[in-house]
PDB file of N, CA and C in Angstrom:
ATOM      1  N   MET A   1      13.633 -20.826 -12.549  1.00  0.00           N
ATOM      2  CA  MET A   1      12.297 -20.270 -12.393  1.00  0.00           C
ATOM      3  C   MET A   1      11.730 -20.670 -11.029  1.00  0.00           C
ATOM      4  N   THR A   2      11.123 -19.742 -10.345  1.00  0.00           N
ATOM      5  CA  THR A   2      10.556 -19.995  -9.031  1.00  0.00           C
ATOM      6  C   THR A   2       9.157 -20.560  -9.181  1.00  0.00           C
ATOM      7  N   GLU A   3       8.876 -21.622  -8.427  1.00  0.00           N
ATOM      8  CA  GLU A   3       7.542 -22.208  -8.465  1.00  0.00           C
ATOM      9  C   GLU A   3       6.638 -21.475  -7.491  1.00  0.00           C
ATOM     10  N   ARG A   4       5.362 -21.392  -7.856  1.00  0.00           N
ATOM     11  CA  ARG A   4       4.381 -20.776  -6.959  1.00  0.00           C
ATOM     12  C   ARG A   4       3.972 -21.778  -5.895  1.00  0.00           C
ATOM     13  N   PRO A   5       3.792 -21.341  -4.675  1.00  0.00           N
ATOM     14  CA  PRO A   5       3.336 -22.274  -3.627  1.00  0.00           C
ATOM     15  C   PRO A   5       1.877 -22.654  -3.866  1.00  0.00           C
ATOM     16  N   ASP A   6       1.499 -23.828  -3.340  1.00  0.00           N
ATOM     17  CA  ASP A   6       0.114 -24.282  -3.485  1.00  0.00           C
ATOM     18  C   ASP A   6      -0.848 -23.401  -2.708  1.00  0.00           C
ATOM     19  N   THR A   7      -0.403 -22.903  -1.568  1.00  0.00           N
ATOM     20  CA  THR A   7      -1.242 -22.012  -0.768  1.00  0.00           C
ATOM     21  C   THR A   7      -0.521 -20.688  -0.625  1.00  0.00           C
ATOM     22  N   LEU A   8      -1.252 -19.636  -0.808  1.00  0.00           N
ATOM     23  CA  LEU A   8      -0.670 -18.304  -0.693  1.00  0.00           C
ATOM     24  C   LEU A   8      -0.763 -17.826   0.741  1.00  0.00           C
ATOM     25  N   VAL A   9       0.309 -17.283   1.242  1.00  0.00           N
ATOM     26  CA  VAL A   9       0.346 -16.719   2.590  1.00  0.00           C
ATOM     27  C   VAL A   9      -0.086 -15.271   2.488  1.00  0.00           C
ATOM     28  N   PRO A  10      -1.075 -14.847   3.293  1.00  0.00           N
ATOM     29  CA  PRO A  10      -1.479 -13.441   3.255  1.00  0.00           C
ATOM     30  C   PRO A  10      -0.284 -12.537   3.502  1.00  0.00           C
ATOM     31  N   LEU A  11      -0.205 -11.457   2.751  1.00  0.00           N
ATOM     32  CA  LEU A  11       0.943 -10.560   2.837  1.00  0.00           C
ATOM     33  C   LEU A  11       1.144 -10.044   4.254  1.00  0.00           C
ATOM     34  N   GLY A  12       0.073  -9.763   4.949  1.00  0.00           N
ATOM     35  CA  GLY A  12       0.180  -9.242   6.303  1.00  0.00           C
ATOM     36  C   GLY A  12       0.800 -10.225   7.285  1.00  0.00           C
ATOM     37  N   ALA A  13       0.810 -11.513   6.932  1.00  0.00           N
ATOM     38  CA  ALA A  13       1.337 -12.524   7.832  1.00  0.00           C
ATOM     39  C   ALA A  13       2.806 -12.830   7.555  1.00  0.00           C
ATOM     40  N   SER A  14       3.401 -12.169   6.604  1.00  0.00           N
ATOM     41  CA  SER A  14       4.780 -12.486   6.237  1.00  0.00           C
ATOM     42  C   SER A  14       5.760 -11.456   6.772  1.00  0.00           C
ATOM     43  N   ASP A  15       7.008 -11.882   6.868  1.00  0.00           N
ATOM     44  CA  ASP A  15       8.063 -10.962   7.293  1.00  0.00           C
ATOM     45  C   ASP A  15       8.266  -9.864   6.261  1.00  0.00           C
ATOM     46  N   GLU A  16       8.055 -10.190   4.984  1.00  0.00           N
ATOM     47  CA  GLU A  16       8.228  -9.207   3.919  1.00  0.00           C
ATOM     48  C   GLU A  16       7.257  -8.037   4.086  1.00  0.00           C
ATOM     49  N   ALA A  17       6.035  -8.345   4.499  1.00  0.00           N
ATOM     50  CA  ALA A  17       5.048  -7.283   4.707  1.00  0.00           C
ATOM     51  C   ALA A  17       5.495  -6.351   5.822  1.00  0.00           C
ATOM     52  N   GLY A  18       6.024  -6.922   6.884  1.00  0.00           N
ATOM     53  CA  GLY A  18       6.520  -6.103   7.982  1.00  0.00           C
ATOM     54  C   GLY A  18       7.682  -5.228   7.553  1.00  0.00           C
ATOM     55  N   ASP A  19       8.551  -5.789   6.712  1.00  0.00           N
ATOM     56  CA  ASP A  19       9.675  -5.014   6.191  1.00  0.00           C
ATOM     57  C   ASP A  19       9.188  -3.861   5.329  1.00  0.00           C
ATOM     58  N   LEU A  20       8.231  -4.139   4.431  1.00  0.00           N
ATOM     59  CA  LEU A  20       7.703  -3.080   3.569  1.00  0.00           C
ATOM     60  C   LEU A  20       7.005  -2.006   4.389  1.00  0.00           C
ATOM     61  N   ARG A  21       6.234  -2.436   5.367  1.00  0.00           N
ATOM     62  CA  ARG A  21       5.520  -1.467   6.215  1.00  0.00           C
ATOM     63  C   ARG A  21       6.507  -0.571   6.962  1.00  0.00           C
ATOM     64  N   SER A  22       7.576  -1.169   7.492  1.00  0.00           N
ATOM     65  CA  SER A  22       8.546  -0.362   8.246  1.00  0.00           C
ATOM     66  C   SER A  22       9.361   0.564   7.336  1.00  0.00           C
ATOM     67  N   LYS A  23       9.555   0.167   6.087  1.00  0.00           N
ATOM     68  CA  LYS A  23      10.335   0.994   5.162  1.00  0.00           C
ATOM     69  C   LYS A  23       9.501   2.043   4.438  1.00  0.00           C
ATOM     70  N   TRP A  24       8.252   1.715   4.121  1.00  0.00           N
ATOM     71  CA  TRP A  24       7.431   2.619   3.304  1.00  0.00           C
ATOM     72  C   TRP A  24       6.380   3.386   4.091  1.00  0.00           C
ATOM     73  N   ILE A  25       5.766   2.757   5.071  1.00  0.00           N
ATOM     74  CA  ILE A  25       4.632   3.380   5.768  1.00  0.00           C
ATOM     75  C   ILE A  25       5.071   4.082   7.055  1.00  0.00           C
ATOM     76  N   ALA A  26       5.854   3.409   7.871  1.00  0.00           N
ATOM     77  CA  ALA A  26       6.291   3.984   9.155  1.00  0.00           C
ATOM     78  C   ALA A  26       6.985   5.343   9.012  1.00  0.00           C
ATOM     79  N   PRO A  27       7.871   5.535   8.007  1.00  0.00           N
ATOM     80  CA  PRO A  27       8.536   6.839   7.886  1.00  0.00           C
ATOM     81  C   PRO A  27       7.573   8.001   7.606  1.00  0.00           C
ATOM     82  N   LEU A  28       6.357   7.694   7.179  1.00  0.00           N
ATOM     83  CA  LEU A  28       5.390   8.765   6.931  1.00  0.00           C
ATOM     84  C   LEU A  28       4.931   9.426   8.222  1.00  0.00           C
ATOM     85  N   GLY A  29       5.054   8.702   9.333  1.00  0.00           N
ATOM     86  CA  GLY A  29       4.658   9.262  10.625  1.00  0.00           C
ATOM     87  C   GLY A  29       3.194   9.664  10.660  1.00  0.00           C
ATOM     88  N   LEU A  30       2.330   8.807  10.150  1.00  0.00           N
ATOM     89  CA  LEU A  30       0.915   9.143  10.050  1.00  0.00           C
ATOM     90  C   LEU A  30       0.259   9.244  11.417  1.00  0.00           C
ATOM     91  N   ASP A  31      -0.491  10.302  11.604  1.00  0.00           N
ATOM     92  CA  ASP A  31      -1.255  10.521  12.817  1.00  0.00           C
ATOM     93  C   ASP A  31      -2.473   9.592  12.796  1.00  0.00           C
ATOM     94  N   ALA A  32      -2.996   9.272  13.936  1.00  0.00           N
ATOM     95  CA  ALA A  32      -4.166   8.390  14.028  1.00  0.00           C
ATOM     96  C   ALA A  32      -5.397   8.984  13.358  1.00  0.00           C
ATOM     97  N   THR A  33      -5.397  10.303  13.151  1.00  0.00           N
ATOM     98  CA  THR A  33      -6.555  10.950  12.513  1.00  0.00           C
ATOM     99  C   THR A  33      -6.566  10.759  10.996  1.00  0.00           C
ATOM    100  N   VAL A  34      -5.463  10.294  10.427  1.00  0.00           N
ATOM    101  CA  VAL A  34      -5.395  10.063   8.977  1.00  0.00           C
ATOM    102  C   VAL A  34      -6.173   8.797   8.669  1.00  0.00           C
ATOM    103  N   LYS A  35      -7.238   8.946   7.901  1.00  0.00           N
ATOM    104  CA  LYS A  35      -8.115   7.819   7.585  1.00  0.00           C
ATOM    105  C   LYS A  35      -7.852   7.242   6.197  1.00  0.00           C
ATOM    106  N   ARG A  36      -7.297   8.046   5.281  1.00  0.00           N
ATOM    107  CA  ARG A  36      -7.137   7.632   3.891  1.00  0.00           C
ATOM    108  C   ARG A  36      -5.748   7.980   3.376  1.00  0.00           C
ATOM    109  N   LEU A  37      -5.163   7.046   2.627  1.00  0.00           N
ATOM    110  CA  LEU A  37      -3.911   7.307   1.932  1.00  0.00           C
ATOM    111  C   LEU A  37      -4.211   7.374   0.445  1.00  0.00           C
ATOM    112  N   ILE A  38      -3.710   8.387  -0.204  1.00  0.00           N
ATOM    113  CA  ILE A  38      -3.846   8.506  -1.652  1.00  0.00           C
ATOM    114  C   ILE A  38      -2.507   8.093  -2.238  1.00  0.00           C
ATOM    115  N   ILE A  39      -2.539   7.037  -3.031  1.00  0.00           N
ATOM    116  CA  ILE A  39      -1.313   6.465  -3.576  1.00  0.00           C
ATOM    117  C   ILE A  39      -1.315   6.604  -5.081  1.00  0.00           C
ATOM    118  N   CYS A  40      -0.205   7.088  -5.598  1.00  0.00           N
ATOM    119  CA  CYS A  40      -0.002   7.242  -7.038  1.00  0.00           C
ATOM    120  C   CYS A  40       1.183   6.367  -7.430  1.00  0.00           C
ATOM    121  N   PRO A  41       0.944   5.048  -7.549  1.00  0.00           N
ATOM    122  CA  PRO A  41       2.061   4.149  -7.825  1.00  0.00           C
ATOM    123  C   PRO A  41       2.552   4.249  -9.261  1.00  0.00           C
ATOM    124  N   SER A  42       3.789   3.870  -9.443  1.00  0.00           N
ATOM    125  CA  SER A  42       4.397   3.904 -10.763  1.00  0.00           C
ATOM    126  C   SER A  42       4.927   2.510 -11.095  1.00  0.00           C
ATOM    127  N   GLY A  43       4.718   2.073 -12.307  1.00  0.00           N
ATOM    128  CA  GLY A  43       5.256   0.799 -12.757  1.00  0.00           C
ATOM    129  C   GLY A  43       4.778  -0.372 -11.925  1.00  0.00           C
ATOM    130  N   LEU A  44       5.722  -1.163 -11.439  1.00  0.00           N
ATOM    131  CA  LEU A  44       5.381  -2.371 -10.689  1.00  0.00           C
ATOM    132  C   LEU A  44       4.721  -2.096  -9.339  1.00  0.00           C
ATOM    133  N   LEU A  45       4.805  -0.869  -8.869  1.00  0.00           N
ATOM    134  CA  LEU A  45       4.161  -0.546  -7.584  1.00  0.00           C
ATOM    135  C   LEU A  45       2.642  -0.673  -7.648  1.00  0.00           C
ATOM    136  N   TRP A  46       2.080  -0.680  -8.869  1.00  0.00           N
ATOM    137  CA  TRP A  46       0.636  -0.894  -9.004  1.00  0.00           C
ATOM    138  C   TRP A  46       0.249  -2.262  -8.468  1.00  0.00           C
ATOM    139  N   SER A  47       1.185  -3.215  -8.451  1.00  0.00           N
ATOM    140  CA  SER A  47       0.868  -4.572  -8.000  1.00  0.00           C
ATOM    141  C   SER A  47       1.045  -4.761  -6.494  1.00  0.00           C
ATOM    142  N   VAL A  48       1.534  -3.752  -5.803  1.00  0.00           N
ATOM    143  CA  VAL A  48       1.711  -3.854  -4.346  1.00  0.00           C
ATOM    144  C   VAL A  48       0.349  -3.689  -3.676  1.00  0.00           C
ATOM    145  N   PRO A  49      -0.053  -4.652  -2.853  1.00  0.00           N
ATOM    146  CA  PRO A  49      -1.351  -4.550  -2.166  1.00  0.00           C
ATOM    147  C   PRO A  49      -1.258  -3.638  -0.936  1.00  0.00           C
ATOM    148  N   PHE A  50      -1.301  -2.342  -1.173  1.00  0.00           N
ATOM    149  CA  PHE A  50      -1.155  -1.387  -0.078  1.00  0.00           C
ATOM    150  C   PHE A  50      -2.240  -1.561   0.985  1.00  0.00           C
ATOM    151  N   CYS A  51      -3.414  -2.029   0.576  1.00  0.00           N
ATOM    152  CA  CYS A  51      -4.480  -2.233   1.561  1.00  0.00           C
ATOM    153  C   CYS A  51      -4.105  -3.316   2.566  1.00  0.00           C
ATOM    154  N   THR A  52      -3.201  -4.208   2.204  1.00  0.00           N
ATOM    155  CA  THR A  52      -2.708  -5.219   3.131  1.00  0.00           C
ATOM    156  C   THR A  52      -1.609  -4.652   4.024  1.00  0.00           C
ATOM    157  N   LEU A  53      -0.842  -3.714   3.491  1.00  0.00           N
ATOM    158  CA  LEU A  53       0.220  -3.101   4.292  1.00  0.00           C
ATOM    159  C   LEU A  53      -0.352  -2.134   5.323  1.00  0.00           C
ATOM    160  N   VAL A  54      -1.478  -1.512   4.986  1.00  0.00           N
ATOM    161  CA  VAL A  54      -2.091  -0.518   5.872  1.00  0.00           C
ATOM    162  C   VAL A  54      -3.585  -0.839   6.011  1.00  0.00           C
ATOM    163  N   PRO A  55      -3.916  -1.950   6.666  1.00  0.00           N
ATOM    164  CA  PRO A  55      -5.319  -2.367   6.733  1.00  0.00           C
ATOM    165  C   PRO A  55      -6.214  -1.434   7.549  1.00  0.00           C
ATOM    166  N   GLU A  56      -5.611  -0.615   8.397  1.00  0.00           N
ATOM    167  CA  GLU A  56      -6.409   0.276   9.249  1.00  0.00           C
ATOM    168  C   GLU A  56      -6.809   1.575   8.553  1.00  0.00           C
ATOM    169  N   ARG A  57      -6.392   1.746   7.299  1.00  0.00           N
ATOM    170  CA  ARG A  57      -6.711   2.978   6.564  1.00  0.00           C
ATOM    171  C   ARG A  57      -7.329   2.641   5.208  1.00  0.00           C
ATOM    172  N   GLU A  58      -8.120   3.576   4.724  1.00  0.00           N
ATOM    173  CA  GLU A  58      -8.683   3.458   3.377  1.00  0.00           C
ATOM    174  C   GLU A  58      -7.592   3.834   2.375  1.00  0.00           C
ATOM    175  N   ILE A  59      -7.499   3.081   1.286  1.00  0.00           N
ATOM    176  CA  ILE A  59      -6.498   3.340   0.257  1.00  0.00           C
ATOM    177  C   ILE A  59      -7.203   3.813  -1.008  1.00  0.00           C
ATOM    178  N   ALA A  60      -6.757   4.931  -1.553  1.00  0.00           N
ATOM    179  CA  ALA A  60      -7.274   5.446  -2.833  1.00  0.00           C
ATOM    180  C   ALA A  60      -6.112   5.486  -3.806  1.00  0.00           C
ATOM    181  N   TYR A  61      -6.304   4.870  -4.963  1.00  0.00           N
ATOM    182  CA  TYR A  61      -5.270   4.868  -5.997  1.00  0.00           C
ATOM    183  C   TYR A  61      -5.623   5.904  -7.056  1.00  0.00           C
ATOM    184  N   VAL A  62      -4.638   6.658  -7.484  1.00  0.00           N
ATOM    185  CA  VAL A  62      -4.818   7.597  -8.595  1.00  0.00           C
ATOM    186  C   VAL A  62      -3.685   7.386  -9.585  1.00  0.00           C
ATOM    187  N   ALA A  63      -3.985   7.580 -10.858  1.00  0.00           N
ATOM    188  CA  ALA A  63      -2.974   7.387 -11.899  1.00  0.00           C
ATOM    189  C   ALA A  63      -2.018   8.568 -11.976  1.00  0.00           C
ATOM    190  N   ASP A  64      -2.507   9.734 -11.573  1.00  0.00           N
ATOM    191  CA  ASP A  64      -1.701  10.948 -11.657  1.00  0.00           C
ATOM    192  C   ASP A  64      -2.015  11.792 -10.428  1.00  0.00           C
ATOM    193  N   PRO A  65      -1.023  12.401  -9.789  1.00  0.00           N
ATOM    194  CA  PRO A  65      -1.290  13.216  -8.598  1.00  0.00           C
ATOM    195  C   PRO A  65      -2.301  14.330  -8.857  1.00  0.00           C
ATOM    196  N   LEU A  66      -2.344  14.832 -10.058  1.00  0.00           N
ATOM    197  CA  LEU A  66      -3.308  15.878 -10.385  1.00  0.00           C
ATOM    198  C   LEU A  66      -4.739  15.375 -10.287  1.00  0.00           C
ATOM    199  N   ASP A  67      -4.945  14.065 -10.544  1.00  0.00           N
ATOM    200  CA  ASP A  67      -6.277  13.477 -10.420  1.00  0.00           C
ATOM    201  C   ASP A  67      -6.825  13.654  -9.017  1.00  0.00           C
ATOM    202  N   ALA A  68      -5.976  13.489  -8.017  1.00  0.00           N
ATOM    203  CA  ALA A  68      -6.407  13.628  -6.627  1.00  0.00           C
ATOM    204  C   ALA A  68      -6.895  15.053  -6.356  1.00  0.00           C
ATOM    205  N   LEU A  69      -6.221  16.026  -6.941  1.00  0.00           N
ATOM    206  CA  LEU A  69      -6.645  17.420  -6.751  1.00  0.00           C
ATOM    207  C   LEU A  69      -7.964  17.708  -7.467  1.00  0.00           C
ATOM    208  N   VAL A  70      -8.081  17.184  -8.680  1.00  0.00           N
ATOM    209  CA  VAL A  70      -9.301  17.421  -9.461  1.00  0.00           C
ATOM    210  C   VAL A  70     -10.502  16.744  -8.786  1.00  0.00           C
ATOM    211  N   LEU A  71     -10.298  15.512  -8.315  1.00  0.00           N
ATOM    212  CA  LEU A  71     -11.385  14.767  -7.698  1.00  0.00           C
ATOM    213  C   LEU A  71     -11.607  15.176  -6.238  1.00  0.00           C
ATOM    214  N   GLN A  72     -10.692  15.928  -5.682  1.00  0.00           N
ATOM    215  CA  GLN A  72     -10.732  16.374  -4.276  1.00  0.00           C
ATOM    216  C   GLN A  72     -10.899  15.188  -3.345  1.00  0.00           C
ATOM    217  N   ILE A  73     -10.066  14.183  -3.560  1.00  0.00           N
ATOM    218  CA  ILE A  73     -10.118  12.970  -2.742  1.00  0.00           C
ATOM    219  C   ILE A  73      -9.608  13.300  -1.349  1.00  0.00           C
TER     220      ILE A  73
END
């Protein structure tokens, strides 16, 4: 069993965050005009702090992609 550290390192300061950003966010090729990401995570992805991976953008979570259309996010 892995022990939790006494102090938590912010996700943005870790190598893992950089890896996730380069694998998940960079391939999207987001233009600077994109202000908001609408994320519909599944399963354990709900626990990923996307706001830490993409601090320069607003993050909106939806349970179902259809919700985004209905709410016109």
